[in-house]
Each structure stands twice: as C-alpha cells, then as structure tokens.
Amino acid sequence: AMQKLETDFGTWKTPWGEINRFQRLTGTIKESYDDDQPSLPVAFTSSRWGALGAWGTESPGGVKRRYGRRGNSFVAMVEFGKDKMTAKAIVSGGQNGRPDSPHFTDQAELFSKGAFRDVYYYRTDVLNNEEETYQPGKR
C-alpha cells in the first residue's frame, strides 16, 4: 500500500481527500473519470466500514484516484414543527443531468462536505427563490 501511494502520489503521507474524490463529467449512467479534470475531495468512507452515508468508490483503469460510483444520490431531513415544517436536502451532484446546465454540479461541493441546502416547501419560499417559471403550452 505504501509503495502504491508513493508511486501514484509521490508520498505515502497522501491526504485521504487527494485519493477519495467526487467527479461528474458527462452525466451518463456509467460515468468516466479523469485525474486531470476538476474533482472534489470527499471525506466519506465506505458504508461497509460503518459510515452512515452510503459511499462507494472505484479506481477504474487509467486513473490513480478513487471516484464515487455508488451511494446516496438524495438525502433529506425533515422537521415537523408545531406551526411549520422545515427541511434540508442534498443531491449528490446536481439537479440536472446535462453537463451544459448550471445545475449539473451545483450541489456537488455541498455534497462532498456533507452539507445540505434548504428545501423550499411553502409557496412564498418557492416564489422568493424561483429562477424561472413554466406553464405547459406557454413559452
């Protein structure tokens, strides 16, 4: 293990976040990975080791790092208060599957840090945070 770390990263004292990464390049079901393209460090370990979050990595041929390939794609926490419900959620990469969308990786950094975004449930919250509206049959 030490020899592989020294060969791949220059030292056996490589931080976990340099090895364990999140990367979303194409949006395809079977994603491809590239050590030379942007990726984010992830502190999670495999759920097989007792971690609450499900995170599984692979190091497919041609790369040195391990990239997340399976696990939680959506996580939500909901608090049912006396007068109001509040919720937090996260999607592992982004809300959109098209690489040209601003929402393709807009939640990736939050996900990689184990953080969450607010869920807008009430109409006023949705309207105060809308980016665009759509009505079927109208442009």
C-alpha atoms as a PDB file:
ATOM      1  CA  ALA A   1       0.000   0.000   0.000  1.00  0.00           C
ATOM      2  CA  MET A   2       2.816   2.393   0.869  1.00  0.00           C
ATOM      3  CA  GLN A   3       4.600   1.669  -2.418  1.00  0.00           C
ATOM      4  CA  LYS A   4       1.435   2.315  -4.446  1.00  0.00           C
ATOM      5  CA  LEU A   5       0.844   5.632  -2.671  1.00  0.00           C
ATOM      6  CA  GLU A   6       4.455   6.674  -3.272  1.00  0.00           C
ATOM      7  CA  THR A   7       4.236   5.660  -6.941  1.00  0.00           C
ATOM      8  CA  ASP A   8       0.852   7.291  -7.595  1.00  0.00           C
ATOM      9  CA  PHE A   9       1.065  10.400  -5.393  1.00  0.00           C
ATOM     10  CA  GLY A  10       4.728  10.882  -4.532  1.00  0.00           C
ATOM     11  CA  THR A  11       4.416  10.042  -0.830  1.00  0.00           C
ATOM     12  CA  TRP A  12       2.676   7.553   1.411  1.00  0.00           C
ATOM     13  CA  LYS A  13       1.531  10.540   3.525  1.00  0.00           C
ATOM     14  CA  THR A  14      -1.154  11.431   0.974  1.00  0.00           C
ATOM     15  CA  PRO A  15      -4.280  13.068   2.434  1.00  0.00           C
ATOM     16  CA  TRP A  16      -7.447  10.984   2.053  1.00  0.00           C
ATOM     17  CA  GLY A  17      -9.107  13.811   0.114  1.00  0.00           C
ATOM     18  CA  GLU A  18      -6.432  13.588  -2.586  1.00  0.00           C
ATOM     19  CA  ILE A  19      -7.396   9.955  -3.185  1.00  0.00           C
ATOM     20  CA  ASN A  20     -11.147   9.841  -2.431  1.00  0.00           C
ATOM     21  CA  ARG A  21     -12.906  12.147  -4.934  1.00  0.00           C
ATOM     22  CA  PHE A  22     -16.237  13.203  -6.412  1.00  0.00           C
ATOM     23  CA  GLN A  23     -16.272  13.920 -10.134  1.00  0.00           C
ATOM     24  CA  ARG A  24     -19.137  14.386 -12.598  1.00  0.00           C
ATOM     25  CA  LEU A  25     -18.090  14.976 -16.193  1.00  0.00           C
ATOM     26  CA  THR A  26     -20.713  13.591 -18.564  1.00  0.00           C
ATOM     27  CA  GLY A  27     -23.946  12.776 -16.755  1.00  0.00           C
ATOM     28  CA  THR A  28     -24.036   9.278 -18.223  1.00  0.00           C
ATOM     29  CA  ILE A  29     -25.136   6.317 -16.130  1.00  0.00           C
ATOM     30  CA  LYS A  30     -21.628   4.852 -16.286  1.00  0.00           C
ATOM     31  CA  GLU A  31     -19.520   7.955 -15.714  1.00  0.00           C
ATOM     32  CA  SER A  32     -15.935   8.184 -16.925  1.00  0.00           C
ATOM     33  CA  TYR A  33     -13.194   9.692 -14.768  1.00  0.00           C
ATOM     34  CA  ASP A  34     -10.078  11.710 -15.456  1.00  0.00           C
ATOM     35  CA  ASP A  35      -7.448  12.655 -12.857  1.00  0.00           C
ATOM     36  CA  ASP A  36      -6.617  15.763 -14.910  1.00  0.00           C
ATOM     37  CA  GLN A  37     -10.191  17.129 -14.777  1.00  0.00           C
ATOM     38  CA  PRO A  38     -11.739  19.004 -11.822  1.00  0.00           C
ATOM     39  CA  SER A  39     -12.917  16.892  -8.897  1.00  0.00           C
ATOM     40  CA  LEU A  40     -13.729  17.458  -5.238  1.00  0.00           C
ATOM     41  CA  PRO A  41     -12.262  15.823  -2.129  1.00  0.00           C
ATOM     42  CA  VAL A  42     -14.696  13.675  -0.145  1.00  0.00           C
ATOM     43  CA  ALA A  43     -14.138  12.737   3.481  1.00  0.00           C
ATOM     44  CA  PHE A  44     -16.670   9.882   3.444  1.00  0.00           C
ATOM     45  CA  THR A  45     -15.657   6.260   3.786  1.00  0.00           C
ATOM     46  CA  SER A  46     -17.487   3.181   2.649  1.00  0.00           C
ATOM     47  CA  SER A  47     -20.723   2.371   4.441  1.00  0.00           C
ATOM     48  CA  ARG A  48     -19.244  -1.124   4.772  1.00  0.00           C
ATOM     49  CA  TRP A  49     -16.977   0.380   7.444  1.00  0.00           C
ATOM     50  CA  GLY A  50     -19.880   1.709   9.486  1.00  0.00           C
ATOM     51  CA  ALA A  51     -20.312   5.137   7.888  1.00  0.00           C
ATOM     52  CA  LEU A  52     -23.911   6.339   7.934  1.00  0.00           C
ATOM     53  CA  GLY A  53     -23.800   7.761   4.416  1.00  0.00           C
ATOM     54  CA  ALA A  54     -23.595   5.254   1.596  1.00  0.00           C
ATOM     55  CA  TRP A  55     -20.463   5.959  -0.455  1.00  0.00           C
ATOM     56  CA  GLY A  56     -18.641   3.523  -2.667  1.00  0.00           C
ATOM     57  CA  THR A  57     -15.643   4.285  -4.836  1.00  0.00           C
ATOM     58  CA  GLU A  58     -13.755   2.677  -7.670  1.00  0.00           C
ATOM     59  CA  SER A  59     -10.466   3.336  -9.337  1.00  0.00           C
ATOM     60  CA  PRO A  60     -11.212   2.428 -12.947  1.00  0.00           C
ATOM     61  CA  GLY A  61      -8.322   1.749 -15.307  1.00  0.00           C
ATOM     62  CA  GLY A  62      -6.246   4.745 -16.292  1.00  0.00           C
ATOM     63  CA  VAL A  63      -6.757   6.787 -13.099  1.00  0.00           C
ATOM     64  CA  LYS A  64      -4.918   6.863  -9.776  1.00  0.00           C
ATOM     65  CA  ARG A  65      -7.638   8.389  -7.615  1.00  0.00           C
ATOM     66  CA  ARG A  66     -10.785   6.672  -6.340  1.00  0.00           C
ATOM     67  CA  TYR A  67     -14.045   8.181  -7.550  1.00  0.00           C
ATOM     68  CA  GLY A  68     -17.513   7.823  -6.051  1.00  0.00           C
ATOM     69  CA  ARG A  69     -19.565   5.400  -8.161  1.00  0.00           C
ATOM     70  CA  ARG A  70     -22.439   4.439  -5.888  1.00  0.00           C
ATOM     71  CA  GLY A  71     -24.202   5.528  -2.759  1.00  0.00           C
ATOM     72  CA  ASN A  72     -26.792   8.039  -1.663  1.00  0.00           C
ATOM     73  CA  SER A  73     -27.951  10.164  -4.577  1.00  0.00           C
ATOM     74  CA  PHE A  74     -30.508  12.076  -2.493  1.00  0.00           C
ATOM     75  CA  VAL A  75     -30.710  12.635   1.254  1.00  0.00           C
ATOM     76  CA  ALA A  76     -33.313  14.703   3.105  1.00  0.00           C
ATOM     77  CA  MET A  77     -34.045  15.622   6.702  1.00  0.00           C
ATOM     78  CA  VAL A  78     -37.478  16.943   7.630  1.00  0.00           C
ATOM     79  CA  GLU A  79     -38.537  18.575  10.891  1.00  0.00           C
ATOM     80  CA  PHE A  80     -42.271  18.701  11.534  1.00  0.00           C
ATOM     81  CA  GLY A  81     -42.702  21.706  13.810  1.00  0.00           C
ATOM     82  CA  LYS A  82     -45.855  22.793  15.589  1.00  0.00           C
ATOM     83  CA  ASP A  83     -46.590  25.576  13.088  1.00  0.00           C
ATOM     84  CA  LYS A  84     -44.159  24.995  10.243  1.00  0.00           C
ATOM     85  CA  MET A  85     -42.212  22.246   8.574  1.00  0.00           C
ATOM     86  CA  THR A  86     -38.533  22.773   7.715  1.00  0.00           C
ATOM     87  CA  ALA A  87     -36.322  20.550   5.612  1.00  0.00           C
ATOM     88  CA  LYS A  88     -32.774  20.211   4.334  1.00  0.00           C
ATOM     89  CA  ALA A  89     -31.697  18.044   1.416  1.00  0.00           C
ATOM     90  CA  ILE A  90     -28.842  17.316  -0.961  1.00  0.00           C
ATOM     91  CA  VAL A  91     -28.449  15.689  -4.357  1.00  0.00           C
ATOM     92  CA  SER A  92     -25.038  14.116  -4.904  1.00  0.00           C
ATOM     93  CA  GLY A  93     -24.113  16.115  -7.997  1.00  0.00           C
ATOM     94  CA  GLY A  94     -26.749  18.470  -9.205  1.00  0.00           C
ATOM     95  CA  GLN A  95     -30.380  18.747 -10.111  1.00  0.00           C
ATOM     96  CA  ASN A  96     -29.794  18.460 -13.879  1.00  0.00           C
ATOM     97  CA  GLY A  97     -28.247  15.692 -15.986  1.00  0.00           C
ATOM     98  CA  ARG A  98     -26.995  17.929 -18.801  1.00  0.00           C
ATOM     99  CA  PRO A  99     -23.326  18.998 -18.474  1.00  0.00           C
ATOM    100  CA  ASP A 100     -24.141  22.405 -20.026  1.00  0.00           C
ATOM    101  CA  SER A 101     -26.661  23.226 -17.273  1.00  0.00           C
ATOM    102  CA  PRO A 102     -25.646  25.437 -14.320  1.00  0.00           C
ATOM    103  CA  HIS A 103     -27.372  22.820 -12.145  1.00  0.00           C
ATOM    104  CA  PHE A 104     -25.245  19.879 -13.368  1.00  0.00           C
ATOM    105  CA  THR A 105     -22.838  20.107 -10.403  1.00  0.00           C
ATOM    106  CA  ASP A 106     -24.379  22.931  -8.365  1.00  0.00           C
ATOM    107  CA  GLN A 107     -24.725  20.746  -5.253  1.00  0.00           C
ATOM    108  CA  ALA A 108     -21.505  18.749  -5.622  1.00  0.00           C
ATOM    109  CA  GLU A 109     -19.424  20.890  -3.282  1.00  0.00           C
ATOM    110  CA  LEU A 110     -22.086  20.807  -0.561  1.00  0.00           C
ATOM    111  CA  PHE A 111     -22.404  17.030  -1.006  1.00  0.00           C
ATOM    112  CA  SER A 112     -18.630  16.496  -0.804  1.00  0.00           C
ATOM    113  CA  LYS A 113     -18.563  18.376   2.515  1.00  0.00           C
ATOM    114  CA  GLY A 114     -21.583  16.570   3.967  1.00  0.00           C
ATOM    115  CA  ALA A 115     -23.611  19.794   3.928  1.00  0.00           C
ATOM    116  CA  PHE A 116     -27.232  20.384   2.926  1.00  0.00           C
ATOM    117  CA  ARG A 117     -29.357  23.020   1.198  1.00  0.00           C
ATOM    118  CA  ASP A 118     -32.710  24.384   2.295  1.00  0.00           C
ATOM    119  CA  VAL A 119     -35.840  22.807   0.824  1.00  0.00           C
ATOM    120  CA  TYR A 120     -38.435  25.356  -0.243  1.00  0.00           C
ATOM    121  CA  TYR A 121     -41.783  23.857   0.668  1.00  0.00           C
ATOM    122  CA  TYR A 122     -44.080  26.802   1.262  1.00  0.00           C
ATOM    123  CA  ARG A 123     -45.347  28.835  -1.701  1.00  0.00           C
ATOM    124  CA  THR A 124     -43.782  32.093  -0.517  1.00  0.00           C
ATOM    125  CA  ASP A 125     -40.377  30.405  -0.120  1.00  0.00           C
ATOM    126  CA  VAL A 126     -40.625  28.876  -3.598  1.00  0.00           C
ATOM    127  CA  LEU A 127     -41.645  32.188  -5.188  1.00  0.00           C
ATOM    128  CA  ASN A 128     -38.896  34.099  -3.350  1.00  0.00           C
ATOM    129  CA  ASN A 129     -36.263  31.685  -4.701  1.00  0.00           C
ATOM    130  CA  GLU A 130     -37.545  30.881  -8.199  1.00  0.00           C
ATOM    131  CA  GLU A 131     -35.219  31.146 -11.177  1.00  0.00           C
ATOM    132  CA  GLU A 132     -37.882  30.778 -13.848  1.00  0.00           C
ATOM    133  CA  THR A 133     -41.490  29.710 -14.185  1.00  0.00           C
ATOM    134  CA  TYR A 134     -43.126  27.398 -16.680  1.00  0.00           C
ATOM    135  CA  GLN A 135     -46.702  26.756 -17.719  1.00  0.00           C
ATOM    136  CA  PRO A 136     -47.400  23.828 -20.059  1.00  0.00           C
ATOM    137  CA  GLY A 137     -48.310  25.095 -23.530  1.00  0.00           C
ATOM    138  CA  LYS A 138     -46.851  28.565 -22.916  1.00  0.00           C
ATOM    139  CA  ARG A 139     -43.307  29.788 -23.517  1.00  0.00           C
END
